[in-house]
Amino acid sequence: AGYKITGIDNSKSMLDICRSKLNEEASGISLSATLVHGDMTDFDLKRSFDLITVPFRAFQHLETVDQQLQCLKKVHNHLSGGGIFLLDLFNPSMKYLLDESRMTEFGDEPTFIMPDGRTVTRKLRNPCIDKAKQLLDCEIIYYSRYLDGRTERTVHSFRLRYIFRYEAEHLLERAGFSVLEVLGDFAGNPFGTKWPGELILKATLK
């Protein structure tokens, strides 16, 4: 759309994948994107932005309040006056958090085929939910079947901290933001119109 963007990620391999995809685009698009290897809790880009997003629930990889506030203060330092900050979280469902069956594998996603011909089925699991610390251990499990009949099970493990609506609003206020809207999906519908839906906060500088 003609905008210049800057992206930060602490994974060099993910940045490499992004660069390779940018190189497949027209030069005007690839030259409009700047990629930075960095930590979302500690960065200084020496400029301000009219729009800053923390998309795809990346904020929830920060496990402590101190880390969350460090990230938000860095965002605050980089947001221009009148600029917009969008924070994308999942809306915690008490039904799911209390469902012990999620400690075993679940999911009914369709099998997909990789370029090398192997078929892959993806399952999910939450081996541990720490309700006191609001920490959710997650596993994405890939079952691969190769053309020669071999099978392989690969597990991607990570931890997320789930955050409730007013907790998120208070964090933003503590970091110097004013919350403008709380949305329930990417179409812009108000929070609560879909359940559990998303938890998307739109904020600006105080």
N, C-alpha and C. Protein backbone atom coordinates (compact mmCIF):
# COMPACT_ATOMS: atom_id res chain seq x y z
N ALA A 1 0.82 -1.22 0.00
CA ALA A 1 0.00 0.00 0.00
C ALA A 1 0.86 1.27 0.00
N GLY A 2 2.17 1.11 -0.09
CA GLY A 2 3.03 2.28 -0.17
C GLY A 2 3.59 2.77 1.14
N TYR A 3 3.30 2.07 2.24
CA TYR A 3 3.81 2.49 3.54
C TYR A 3 5.20 1.90 3.79
N LYS A 4 6.00 2.63 4.57
CA LYS A 4 7.28 2.10 5.02
C LYS A 4 7.09 1.49 6.40
N ILE A 5 7.64 0.30 6.59
CA ILE A 5 7.44 -0.41 7.85
C ILE A 5 8.78 -0.88 8.40
N THR A 6 8.82 -1.04 9.71
CA THR A 6 9.97 -1.59 10.41
C THR A 6 9.49 -2.74 11.27
N GLY A 7 10.17 -3.87 11.19
CA GLY A 7 9.79 -5.03 11.98
C GLY A 7 10.92 -5.47 12.88
N ILE A 8 10.59 -5.84 14.12
CA ILE A 8 11.58 -6.33 15.08
C ILE A 8 11.25 -7.78 15.43
N ASP A 9 12.29 -8.61 15.47
CA ASP A 9 12.12 -10.00 15.92
C ASP A 9 13.42 -10.44 16.56
N ASN A 10 13.32 -11.25 17.62
CA ASN A 10 14.55 -11.74 18.26
C ASN A 10 15.04 -13.06 17.69
N SER A 11 14.37 -13.54 16.64
CA SER A 11 14.77 -14.78 15.97
C SER A 11 15.42 -14.44 14.63
N LYS A 12 16.73 -14.72 14.53
CA LYS A 12 17.43 -14.44 13.28
C LYS A 12 16.89 -15.30 12.14
N SER A 13 16.52 -16.54 12.45
CA SER A 13 16.02 -17.43 11.40
C SER A 13 14.68 -16.94 10.85
N MET A 14 13.82 -16.41 11.74
CA MET A 14 12.55 -15.88 11.26
C MET A 14 12.77 -14.63 10.39
N LEU A 15 13.73 -13.80 10.78
CA LEU A 15 14.07 -12.63 9.96
C LEU A 15 14.61 -13.05 8.60
N ASP A 16 15.40 -14.12 8.57
CA ASP A 16 15.92 -14.62 7.30
C ASP A 16 14.78 -15.07 6.38
N ILE A 17 13.79 -15.74 6.96
CA ILE A 17 12.63 -16.17 6.16
C ILE A 17 11.88 -14.96 5.62
N CYS A 18 11.72 -13.94 6.48
CA CYS A 18 11.03 -12.73 6.04
C CYS A 18 11.79 -12.04 4.91
N ARG A 19 13.12 -11.96 5.04
CA ARG A 19 13.93 -11.33 3.99
C ARG A 19 13.80 -12.07 2.67
N SER A 20 13.78 -13.41 2.75
CA SER A 20 13.67 -14.18 1.51
C SER A 20 12.32 -13.95 0.84
N LYS A 21 11.28 -13.79 1.64
CA LYS A 21 9.97 -13.50 1.06
C LYS A 21 9.91 -12.09 0.48
N LEU A 22 10.56 -11.14 1.18
CA LEU A 22 10.61 -9.78 0.65
C LEU A 22 11.34 -9.74 -0.68
N ASN A 23 12.40 -10.54 -0.81
CA ASN A 23 13.17 -10.55 -2.05
C ASN A 23 12.38 -11.08 -3.23
N GLU A 24 11.30 -11.80 -2.95
CA GLU A 24 10.43 -12.31 -4.01
C GLU A 24 9.43 -11.25 -4.49
N GLU A 25 9.32 -10.17 -3.72
CA GLU A 25 8.38 -9.10 -4.07
C GLU A 25 9.04 -8.08 -5.00
N ALA A 26 8.23 -7.18 -5.53
CA ALA A 26 8.77 -6.09 -6.34
C ALA A 26 9.71 -5.24 -5.50
N SER A 27 10.69 -4.63 -6.15
CA SER A 27 11.72 -3.89 -5.42
C SER A 27 11.12 -2.79 -4.55
N GLY A 28 10.05 -2.16 -5.02
CA GLY A 28 9.43 -1.10 -4.23
C GLY A 28 8.92 -1.58 -2.89
N ILE A 29 8.43 -2.82 -2.87
CA ILE A 29 7.92 -3.40 -1.64
C ILE A 29 9.07 -3.79 -0.73
N SER A 30 10.06 -4.49 -1.28
CA SER A 30 11.17 -4.95 -0.45
C SER A 30 11.95 -3.79 0.14
N LEU A 31 12.08 -2.68 -0.59
CA LEU A 31 12.82 -1.53 -0.09
C LEU A 31 12.04 -0.75 0.95
N SER A 32 10.74 -1.01 1.05
CA SER A 32 9.90 -0.29 2.03
C SER A 32 9.93 -0.93 3.40
N ALA A 33 10.56 -2.09 3.53
CA ALA A 33 10.58 -2.82 4.80
C ALA A 33 11.98 -2.85 5.38
N THR A 34 12.08 -2.50 6.65
CA THR A 34 13.34 -2.57 7.39
C THR A 34 13.18 -3.61 8.49
N LEU A 35 14.08 -4.58 8.55
CA LEU A 35 14.02 -5.63 9.55
C LEU A 35 15.14 -5.45 10.56
N VAL A 36 14.79 -5.59 11.84
CA VAL A 36 15.73 -5.36 12.93
C VAL A 36 15.76 -6.58 13.83
N HIS A 37 16.97 -7.08 14.12
CA HIS A 37 17.10 -8.16 15.09
C HIS A 37 17.19 -7.53 16.47
N GLY A 38 16.19 -7.80 17.32
CA GLY A 38 16.18 -7.16 18.62
C GLY A 38 15.17 -7.77 19.56
N ASP A 39 15.22 -7.29 20.79
CA ASP A 39 14.35 -7.75 21.87
C ASP A 39 13.23 -6.74 22.06
N MET A 40 12.00 -7.21 22.11
CA MET A 40 10.86 -6.30 22.21
C MET A 40 10.81 -5.56 23.55
N THR A 41 11.62 -5.99 24.51
CA THR A 41 11.66 -5.28 25.80
C THR A 41 12.81 -4.28 25.88
N ASP A 42 13.67 -4.24 24.85
CA ASP A 42 14.85 -3.38 24.92
C ASP A 42 15.32 -3.02 23.52
N PHE A 43 14.78 -1.94 22.97
CA PHE A 43 15.19 -1.51 21.63
C PHE A 43 15.14 0.01 21.55
N ASP A 44 15.94 0.57 20.66
CA ASP A 44 15.97 2.01 20.42
C ASP A 44 16.24 2.22 18.94
N LEU A 45 15.22 2.59 18.20
CA LEU A 45 15.32 2.74 16.74
C LEU A 45 15.60 4.17 16.31
N LYS A 46 15.74 5.07 17.29
CA LYS A 46 16.11 6.46 17.01
C LYS A 46 15.10 7.20 16.14
N ARG A 47 13.85 6.79 16.22
CA ARG A 47 12.80 7.47 15.47
C ARG A 47 11.44 7.13 16.07
N SER A 48 10.42 7.84 15.62
CA SER A 48 9.06 7.56 16.09
C SER A 48 8.20 7.08 14.93
N PHE A 49 7.05 6.48 15.30
CA PHE A 49 6.16 5.87 14.31
C PHE A 49 4.73 6.30 14.57
N ASP A 50 3.96 6.44 13.49
CA ASP A 50 2.54 6.80 13.61
C ASP A 50 1.68 5.61 14.02
N LEU A 51 2.15 4.40 13.73
CA LEU A 51 1.42 3.18 14.08
C LEU A 51 2.41 2.14 14.55
N ILE A 52 2.17 1.56 15.71
CA ILE A 52 2.97 0.45 16.22
C ILE A 52 2.02 -0.68 16.58
N THR A 53 2.37 -1.89 16.17
CA THR A 53 1.55 -3.05 16.51
C THR A 53 2.43 -4.11 17.17
N VAL A 54 1.85 -4.84 18.11
CA VAL A 54 2.44 -6.08 18.59
C VAL A 54 1.43 -7.17 18.20
N PRO A 55 1.60 -7.75 17.02
CA PRO A 55 0.59 -8.66 16.49
C PRO A 55 0.81 -10.11 16.90
N PHE A 56 -0.11 -10.95 16.50
CA PHE A 56 0.01 -12.41 16.61
C PHE A 56 0.30 -12.87 18.04
N ARG A 57 -0.17 -12.10 19.02
CA ARG A 57 -0.09 -12.48 20.44
C ARG A 57 1.36 -12.58 20.93
N ALA A 58 2.28 -11.91 20.23
CA ALA A 58 3.69 -11.98 20.62
C ALA A 58 3.91 -11.43 22.03
N PHE A 59 3.10 -10.46 22.43
CA PHE A 59 3.24 -9.86 23.76
C PHE A 59 3.08 -10.91 24.86
N GLN A 60 2.35 -11.96 24.59
CA GLN A 60 2.05 -12.96 25.62
C GLN A 60 3.20 -13.93 25.85
N HIS A 61 4.28 -13.78 25.08
CA HIS A 61 5.50 -14.53 25.38
C HIS A 61 6.28 -13.87 26.52
N LEU A 62 5.89 -12.67 26.92
CA LEU A 62 6.51 -12.00 28.07
C LEU A 62 5.83 -12.54 29.32
N GLU A 63 6.60 -13.16 30.20
CA GLU A 63 6.00 -13.93 31.29
C GLU A 63 5.84 -13.16 32.59
N THR A 64 6.45 -11.97 32.71
CA THR A 64 6.35 -11.21 33.96
C THR A 64 5.82 -9.82 33.69
N VAL A 65 5.28 -9.19 34.73
CA VAL A 65 4.78 -7.82 34.60
C VAL A 65 5.93 -6.87 34.27
N ASP A 66 7.10 -7.09 34.85
CA ASP A 66 8.24 -6.23 34.56
C ASP A 66 8.59 -6.27 33.08
N GLN A 67 8.60 -7.47 32.49
CA GLN A 67 8.88 -7.58 31.06
C GLN A 67 7.80 -6.88 30.23
N GLN A 68 6.55 -7.06 30.62
CA GLN A 68 5.45 -6.42 29.90
C GLN A 68 5.58 -4.90 29.92
N LEU A 69 5.87 -4.35 31.10
CA LEU A 69 6.00 -2.90 31.22
C LEU A 69 7.23 -2.38 30.48
N GLN A 70 8.31 -3.15 30.49
CA GLN A 70 9.49 -2.73 29.73
C GLN A 70 9.17 -2.62 28.25
N CYS A 71 8.43 -3.59 27.73
CA CYS A 71 8.02 -3.57 26.33
C CYS A 71 7.13 -2.36 26.05
N LEU A 72 6.13 -2.15 26.89
CA LEU A 72 5.18 -1.06 26.66
C LEU A 72 5.87 0.30 26.76
N LYS A 73 6.84 0.44 27.65
CA LYS A 73 7.55 1.72 27.77
C LYS A 73 8.41 1.98 26.53
N LYS A 74 8.99 0.92 25.95
CA LYS A 74 9.73 1.10 24.71
C LYS A 74 8.80 1.49 23.56
N VAL A 75 7.64 0.88 23.51
CA VAL A 75 6.65 1.27 22.51
C VAL A 75 6.26 2.73 22.71
N HIS A 76 6.01 3.11 23.96
CA HIS A 76 5.64 4.50 24.29
C HIS A 76 6.70 5.47 23.78
N ASN A 77 7.98 5.12 23.96
CA ASN A 77 9.08 6.00 23.54
C ASN A 77 9.16 6.16 22.03
N HIS A 78 8.60 5.20 21.28
CA HIS A 78 8.71 5.22 19.82
C HIS A 78 7.42 5.67 19.12
N LEU A 79 6.36 5.92 19.88
CA LEU A 79 5.08 6.30 19.26
C LEU A 79 5.02 7.82 19.13
N SER A 80 4.66 8.29 17.96
CA SER A 80 4.57 9.73 17.73
C SER A 80 3.30 10.28 18.38
N GLY A 81 3.29 11.58 18.64
CA GLY A 81 2.09 12.21 19.20
C GLY A 81 0.90 12.03 18.28
N GLY A 82 -0.20 11.55 18.82
CA GLY A 82 -1.37 11.24 17.99
C GLY A 82 -1.29 9.89 17.31
N GLY A 83 -0.19 9.17 17.50
CA GLY A 83 -0.05 7.85 16.89
C GLY A 83 -0.90 6.81 17.58
N ILE A 84 -1.04 5.67 16.93
CA ILE A 84 -1.89 4.58 17.43
C ILE A 84 -1.05 3.36 17.74
N PHE A 85 -1.35 2.74 18.87
CA PHE A 85 -0.72 1.48 19.25
C PHE A 85 -1.80 0.41 19.31
N LEU A 86 -1.57 -0.71 18.63
CA LEU A 86 -2.50 -1.83 18.61
C LEU A 86 -1.85 -3.04 19.26
N LEU A 87 -2.49 -3.56 20.30
CA LEU A 87 -1.98 -4.71 21.04
C LEU A 87 -2.94 -5.88 20.84
N ASP A 88 -2.43 -6.96 20.25
CA ASP A 88 -3.26 -8.12 19.90
C ASP A 88 -3.00 -9.25 20.88
N LEU A 89 -4.04 -9.65 21.63
CA LEU A 89 -3.97 -10.74 22.59
C LEU A 89 -5.09 -11.72 22.31
N PHE A 90 -4.98 -12.95 22.87
CA PHE A 90 -6.17 -13.80 22.84
C PHE A 90 -6.97 -13.55 24.11
N ASN A 91 -8.26 -13.64 24.00
CA ASN A 91 -9.14 -13.45 25.15
C ASN A 91 -9.23 -14.77 25.92
N PRO A 92 -8.74 -14.82 27.16
CA PRO A 92 -8.73 -16.09 27.89
C PRO A 92 -10.15 -16.63 28.11
N SER A 93 -10.35 -17.87 27.80
CA SER A 93 -11.62 -18.55 28.03
C SER A 93 -11.51 -19.41 29.28
N MET A 94 -12.28 -19.09 30.31
CA MET A 94 -12.23 -19.88 31.54
C MET A 94 -12.62 -21.33 31.27
N LYS A 95 -13.52 -21.51 30.32
CA LYS A 95 -13.94 -22.87 29.96
C LYS A 95 -12.74 -23.69 29.51
N TYR A 96 -11.91 -23.11 28.65
CA TYR A 96 -10.74 -23.83 28.15
C TYR A 96 -9.67 -23.98 29.22
N LEU A 97 -9.47 -22.92 30.03
CA LEU A 97 -8.43 -22.97 31.05
C LEU A 97 -8.71 -24.03 32.11
N LEU A 98 -9.98 -24.34 32.32
CA LEU A 98 -10.36 -25.32 33.34
C LEU A 98 -10.59 -26.71 32.75
N ASP A 99 -10.42 -26.83 31.44
CA ASP A 99 -10.69 -28.10 30.75
C ASP A 99 -9.44 -28.98 30.80
N GLU A 100 -9.42 -29.96 31.69
CA GLU A 100 -8.25 -30.82 31.86
C GLU A 100 -8.03 -31.75 30.66
N SER A 101 -9.02 -31.90 29.81
CA SER A 101 -8.84 -32.76 28.64
C SER A 101 -7.83 -32.15 27.67
N ARG A 102 -7.57 -30.85 27.78
CA ARG A 102 -6.59 -30.20 26.91
C ARG A 102 -5.15 -30.56 27.29
N MET A 103 -5.00 -31.30 28.41
CA MET A 103 -3.67 -31.77 28.77
C MET A 103 -3.24 -32.95 27.90
N THR A 104 -4.20 -33.55 27.19
CA THR A 104 -3.90 -34.57 26.20
C THR A 104 -4.09 -33.95 24.81
N GLU A 105 -3.58 -34.59 23.79
CA GLU A 105 -3.59 -34.02 22.45
C GLU A 105 -5.03 -33.81 21.96
N PHE A 106 -5.23 -32.67 21.29
CA PHE A 106 -6.54 -32.37 20.73
C PHE A 106 -6.36 -31.60 19.43
N GLY A 107 -7.46 -31.41 18.73
CA GLY A 107 -7.42 -30.67 17.47
C GLY A 107 -7.87 -31.53 16.31
N ASP A 108 -8.61 -30.93 15.39
CA ASP A 108 -9.11 -31.67 14.23
C ASP A 108 -8.78 -30.94 12.93
N GLU A 109 -7.57 -30.37 12.89
CA GLU A 109 -7.16 -29.67 11.68
C GLU A 109 -6.95 -30.67 10.54
N PRO A 110 -7.23 -30.27 9.31
CA PRO A 110 -7.02 -31.19 8.18
C PRO A 110 -5.54 -31.44 7.93
N THR A 111 -5.23 -32.64 7.46
CA THR A 111 -3.87 -32.98 7.07
C THR A 111 -3.45 -32.15 5.86
N PHE A 112 -2.19 -31.71 5.83
CA PHE A 112 -1.70 -30.96 4.68
C PHE A 112 -0.46 -31.64 4.12
N ILE A 113 -0.13 -31.31 2.87
CA ILE A 113 0.98 -31.94 2.16
C ILE A 113 2.10 -30.93 1.98
N MET A 114 3.32 -31.34 2.33
CA MET A 114 4.50 -30.49 2.18
C MET A 114 5.08 -30.64 0.78
N PRO A 115 5.92 -29.68 0.34
CA PRO A 115 6.50 -29.77 -1.02
C PRO A 115 7.27 -31.06 -1.28
N ASP A 116 7.83 -31.69 -0.23
CA ASP A 116 8.59 -32.92 -0.43
C ASP A 116 7.70 -34.16 -0.48
N GLY A 117 6.37 -33.95 -0.40
CA GLY A 117 5.44 -35.04 -0.53
C GLY A 117 4.95 -35.65 0.77
N ARG A 118 5.59 -35.33 1.90
CA ARG A 118 5.13 -35.90 3.17
C ARG A 118 3.82 -35.24 3.60
N THR A 119 3.01 -36.01 4.28
CA THR A 119 1.76 -35.48 4.82
C THR A 119 1.96 -35.16 6.30
N VAL A 120 1.35 -34.07 6.74
CA VAL A 120 1.55 -33.59 8.10
C VAL A 120 0.19 -33.34 8.75
N THR A 121 0.05 -33.86 9.96
CA THR A 121 -1.14 -33.60 10.77
C THR A 121 -0.69 -32.86 12.03
N ARG A 122 -1.40 -31.79 12.39
CA ARG A 122 -1.01 -30.99 13.53
C ARG A 122 -1.99 -31.18 14.68
N LYS A 123 -1.47 -31.40 15.87
CA LYS A 123 -2.26 -31.49 17.09
C LYS A 123 -1.76 -30.46 18.10
N LEU A 124 -2.55 -30.23 19.12
CA LEU A 124 -2.22 -29.26 20.16
C LEU A 124 -2.31 -29.91 21.53
N ARG A 125 -1.62 -29.32 22.51
CA ARG A 125 -1.70 -29.82 23.88
C ARG A 125 -1.28 -28.72 24.84
N ASN A 126 -1.93 -28.69 26.00
CA ASN A 126 -1.54 -27.79 27.09
C ASN A 126 -1.15 -28.66 28.29
N PRO A 127 0.12 -29.05 28.39
CA PRO A 127 0.53 -29.96 29.46
C PRO A 127 0.42 -29.38 30.86
N CYS A 128 0.45 -28.05 30.96
CA CYS A 128 0.36 -27.43 32.29
C CYS A 128 -0.26 -26.05 32.17
N ILE A 129 -1.17 -25.74 33.09
CA ILE A 129 -1.75 -24.40 33.19
C ILE A 129 -1.56 -23.94 34.64
N ASP A 130 -0.71 -22.93 34.82
CA ASP A 130 -0.47 -22.38 36.15
C ASP A 130 -1.44 -21.22 36.36
N LYS A 131 -2.52 -21.51 37.07
CA LYS A 131 -3.58 -20.52 37.22
C LYS A 131 -3.17 -19.38 38.14
N ALA A 132 -2.25 -19.63 39.06
CA ALA A 132 -1.81 -18.58 39.97
C ALA A 132 -0.96 -17.54 39.23
N LYS A 133 -0.07 -18.03 38.35
CA LYS A 133 0.81 -17.13 37.61
C LYS A 133 0.29 -16.78 36.22
N GLN A 134 -0.88 -17.37 35.85
CA GLN A 134 -1.49 -17.15 34.54
C GLN A 134 -0.54 -17.55 33.41
N LEU A 135 0.11 -18.68 33.59
CA LEU A 135 1.04 -19.20 32.58
C LEU A 135 0.46 -20.44 31.93
N LEU A 136 0.56 -20.49 30.63
CA LEU A 136 -0.02 -21.57 29.85
C LEU A 136 1.09 -22.23 29.04
N ASP A 137 1.42 -23.48 29.39
CA ASP A 137 2.38 -24.25 28.60
C ASP A 137 1.67 -24.81 27.37
N CYS A 138 2.30 -24.63 26.23
CA CYS A 138 1.66 -25.03 24.97
C CYS A 138 2.58 -25.95 24.19
N GLU A 139 1.98 -26.88 23.48
CA GLU A 139 2.71 -27.73 22.55
C GLU A 139 1.96 -27.78 21.22
N ILE A 140 2.70 -27.58 20.15
CA ILE A 140 2.19 -27.85 18.81
C ILE A 140 2.91 -29.10 18.33
N ILE A 141 2.15 -30.13 18.02
CA ILE A 141 2.71 -31.45 17.72
C ILE A 141 2.44 -31.77 16.25
N TYR A 142 3.52 -32.08 15.53
CA TYR A 142 3.42 -32.38 14.10
C TYR A 142 3.71 -33.87 13.87
N TYR A 143 2.75 -34.56 13.26
CA TYR A 143 2.94 -35.95 12.86
C TYR A 143 3.18 -35.97 11.35
N SER A 144 4.38 -36.40 10.96
CA SER A 144 4.75 -36.42 9.54
C SER A 144 4.85 -37.85 9.05
N ARG A 145 4.30 -38.10 7.87
CA ARG A 145 4.46 -39.40 7.21
C ARG A 145 5.14 -39.16 5.87
N TYR A 146 6.31 -39.80 5.70
CA TYR A 146 7.09 -39.62 4.48
C TYR A 146 6.66 -40.61 3.40
N LEU A 147 7.09 -40.33 2.19
CA LEU A 147 6.71 -41.18 1.05
C LEU A 147 7.22 -42.60 1.20
N ASP A 148 8.34 -42.79 1.93
CA ASP A 148 8.87 -44.14 2.12
C ASP A 148 8.22 -44.88 3.29
N GLY A 149 7.18 -44.26 3.90
CA GLY A 149 6.46 -44.90 5.00
C GLY A 149 6.94 -44.51 6.38
N ARG A 150 8.08 -43.82 6.48
CA ARG A 150 8.57 -43.38 7.79
C ARG A 150 7.61 -42.38 8.42
N THR A 151 7.54 -42.41 9.74
CA THR A 151 6.73 -41.43 10.45
C THR A 151 7.63 -40.69 11.45
N GLU A 152 7.21 -39.48 11.77
CA GLU A 152 8.01 -38.63 12.66
C GLU A 152 7.08 -37.77 13.49
N ARG A 153 7.40 -37.63 14.78
CA ARG A 153 6.64 -36.77 15.68
C ARG A 153 7.55 -35.64 16.15
N THR A 154 7.16 -34.39 15.87
CA THR A 154 7.94 -33.22 16.24
C THR A 154 7.09 -32.34 17.15
N VAL A 155 7.68 -31.89 18.26
CA VAL A 155 6.95 -31.10 19.25
C VAL A 155 7.60 -29.72 19.37
N HIS A 156 6.79 -28.69 19.18
CA HIS A 156 7.23 -27.30 19.39
C HIS A 156 6.58 -26.82 20.69
N SER A 157 7.42 -26.58 21.71
CA SER A 157 6.93 -26.19 23.04
C SER A 157 7.22 -24.73 23.31
N PHE A 158 6.27 -24.06 23.95
CA PHE A 158 6.47 -22.66 24.34
C PHE A 158 5.50 -22.33 25.46
N ARG A 159 5.72 -21.18 26.06
CA ARG A 159 4.88 -20.75 27.19
C ARG A 159 4.29 -19.38 26.90
N LEU A 160 3.04 -19.21 27.26
CA LEU A 160 2.36 -17.93 27.11
C LEU A 160 1.78 -17.48 28.46
N ARG A 161 1.73 -16.18 28.64
CA ARG A 161 1.04 -15.64 29.81
C ARG A 161 -0.29 -15.07 29.34
N TYR A 162 -1.38 -15.61 29.88
CA TYR A 162 -2.68 -15.09 29.46
C TYR A 162 -3.03 -13.87 30.30
N ILE A 163 -3.70 -12.92 29.65
CA ILE A 163 -3.98 -11.61 30.23
C ILE A 163 -5.46 -11.30 30.03
N PHE A 164 -6.10 -10.84 31.07
CA PHE A 164 -7.51 -10.49 30.98
C PHE A 164 -7.69 -9.03 30.56
N ARG A 165 -8.89 -8.70 30.15
CA ARG A 165 -9.17 -7.40 29.54
C ARG A 165 -8.74 -6.23 30.43
N TYR A 166 -9.20 -6.20 31.68
CA TYR A 166 -8.90 -5.03 32.52
C TYR A 166 -7.45 -5.04 32.99
N GLU A 167 -6.86 -6.19 33.11
CA GLU A 167 -5.44 -6.28 33.40
C GLU A 167 -4.64 -5.61 32.27
N ALA A 168 -5.02 -5.91 31.02
CA ALA A 168 -4.33 -5.31 29.88
C ALA A 168 -4.52 -3.80 29.86
N GLU A 169 -5.73 -3.34 30.17
CA GLU A 169 -5.98 -1.90 30.20
C GLU A 169 -5.13 -1.22 31.27
N HIS A 170 -5.03 -1.84 32.44
CA HIS A 170 -4.23 -1.26 33.52
C HIS A 170 -2.74 -1.22 33.15
N LEU A 171 -2.24 -2.25 32.48
CA LEU A 171 -0.86 -2.24 32.04
C LEU A 171 -0.60 -1.06 31.10
N LEU A 172 -1.51 -0.85 30.17
CA LEU A 172 -1.35 0.27 29.23
C LEU A 172 -1.39 1.61 29.95
N GLU A 173 -2.30 1.75 30.90
CA GLU A 173 -2.38 3.00 31.66
C GLU A 173 -1.09 3.23 32.46
N ARG A 174 -0.56 2.19 33.07
CA ARG A 174 0.68 2.31 33.84
C ARG A 174 1.85 2.73 32.96
N ALA A 175 1.81 2.35 31.70
CA ALA A 175 2.90 2.65 30.79
C ALA A 175 2.71 3.98 30.06
N GLY A 176 1.64 4.72 30.42
CA GLY A 176 1.46 6.06 29.85
C GLY A 176 0.57 6.15 28.63
N PHE A 177 -0.26 5.15 28.43
CA PHE A 177 -1.20 5.16 27.30
C PHE A 177 -2.62 5.47 27.76
N SER A 178 -3.43 5.94 26.83
CA SER A 178 -4.88 6.02 27.02
C SER A 178 -5.53 5.02 26.08
N VAL A 179 -6.39 4.18 26.62
CA VAL A 179 -7.07 3.17 25.81
C VAL A 179 -8.23 3.82 25.07
N LEU A 180 -8.23 3.69 23.76
CA LEU A 180 -9.29 4.29 22.93
C LEU A 180 -10.43 3.32 22.67
N GLU A 181 -10.08 2.06 22.39
CA GLU A 181 -11.09 1.05 22.08
C GLU A 181 -10.58 -0.32 22.51
N VAL A 182 -11.52 -1.20 22.82
CA VAL A 182 -11.22 -2.61 23.05
C VAL A 182 -12.08 -3.39 22.07
N LEU A 183 -11.43 -4.14 21.18
CA LEU A 183 -12.12 -4.82 20.09
C LEU A 183 -12.11 -6.33 20.29
N GLY A 184 -13.11 -6.98 19.69
CA GLY A 184 -13.25 -8.42 19.86
C GLY A 184 -12.85 -9.24 18.66
N ASP A 185 -12.53 -8.57 17.55
CA ASP A 185 -12.08 -9.29 16.35
C ASP A 185 -11.38 -8.32 15.42
N PHE A 186 -10.84 -8.86 14.33
CA PHE A 186 -10.08 -8.04 13.40
C PHE A 186 -10.97 -7.25 12.45
N ALA A 187 -12.27 -7.47 12.52
CA ALA A 187 -13.21 -6.67 11.73
C ALA A 187 -13.59 -5.38 12.46
N GLY A 188 -13.13 -5.22 13.69
CA GLY A 188 -13.40 -3.99 14.44
C GLY A 188 -14.66 -4.03 15.29
N ASN A 189 -15.22 -5.22 15.52
CA ASN A 189 -16.41 -5.31 16.36
C ASN A 189 -16.02 -5.14 17.83
N PRO A 190 -16.91 -4.56 18.64
CA PRO A 190 -16.59 -4.31 20.04
C PRO A 190 -16.30 -5.60 20.81
N PHE A 191 -15.44 -5.49 21.81
CA PHE A 191 -15.12 -6.63 22.66
C PHE A 191 -16.40 -7.17 23.31
N GLY A 192 -16.55 -8.49 23.29
CA GLY A 192 -17.72 -9.12 23.89
C GLY A 192 -18.79 -9.51 22.90
N THR A 193 -18.72 -9.01 21.66
CA THR A 193 -19.72 -9.38 20.67
C THR A 193 -19.52 -10.80 20.17
N LYS A 194 -18.29 -11.32 20.29
CA LYS A 194 -17.98 -12.71 20.00
C LYS A 194 -17.26 -13.28 21.21
N TRP A 195 -17.49 -14.56 21.53
CA TRP A 195 -16.85 -15.10 22.72
C TRP A 195 -16.24 -16.47 22.44
N PRO A 196 -14.96 -16.70 22.81
CA PRO A 196 -14.13 -15.71 23.50
C PRO A 196 -13.57 -14.63 22.58
N GLY A 197 -13.42 -14.93 21.30
CA GLY A 197 -12.96 -13.91 20.37
C GLY A 197 -11.54 -13.46 20.68
N GLU A 198 -11.17 -12.33 20.10
CA GLU A 198 -9.86 -11.75 20.32
C GLU A 198 -9.95 -10.67 21.40
N LEU A 199 -8.79 -10.21 21.83
CA LEU A 199 -8.70 -9.09 22.76
C LEU A 199 -7.70 -8.11 22.16
N ILE A 200 -8.22 -7.11 21.44
CA ILE A 200 -7.38 -6.17 20.69
C ILE A 200 -7.59 -4.78 21.31
N LEU A 201 -6.51 -4.19 21.78
CA LEU A 201 -6.59 -2.89 22.44
C LEU A 201 -5.97 -1.82 21.55
N LYS A 202 -6.71 -0.76 21.35
CA LYS A 202 -6.26 0.39 20.56
C LYS A 202 -5.98 1.53 21.52
N ALA A 203 -4.75 2.04 21.50
CA ALA A 203 -4.35 3.03 22.50
C ALA A 203 -3.54 4.14 21.84
N THR A 204 -3.40 5.24 22.57
CA THR A 204 -2.56 6.36 22.13
C THR A 204 -1.86 6.93 23.35
N LEU A 205 -0.95 7.88 23.13
CA LEU A 205 -0.24 8.49 24.25
C LEU A 205 -1.17 9.37 25.05
N LYS A 206 -0.96 9.41 26.36
CA LYS A 206 -1.76 10.31 27.21
C LYS A 206 -1.41 11.76 26.88
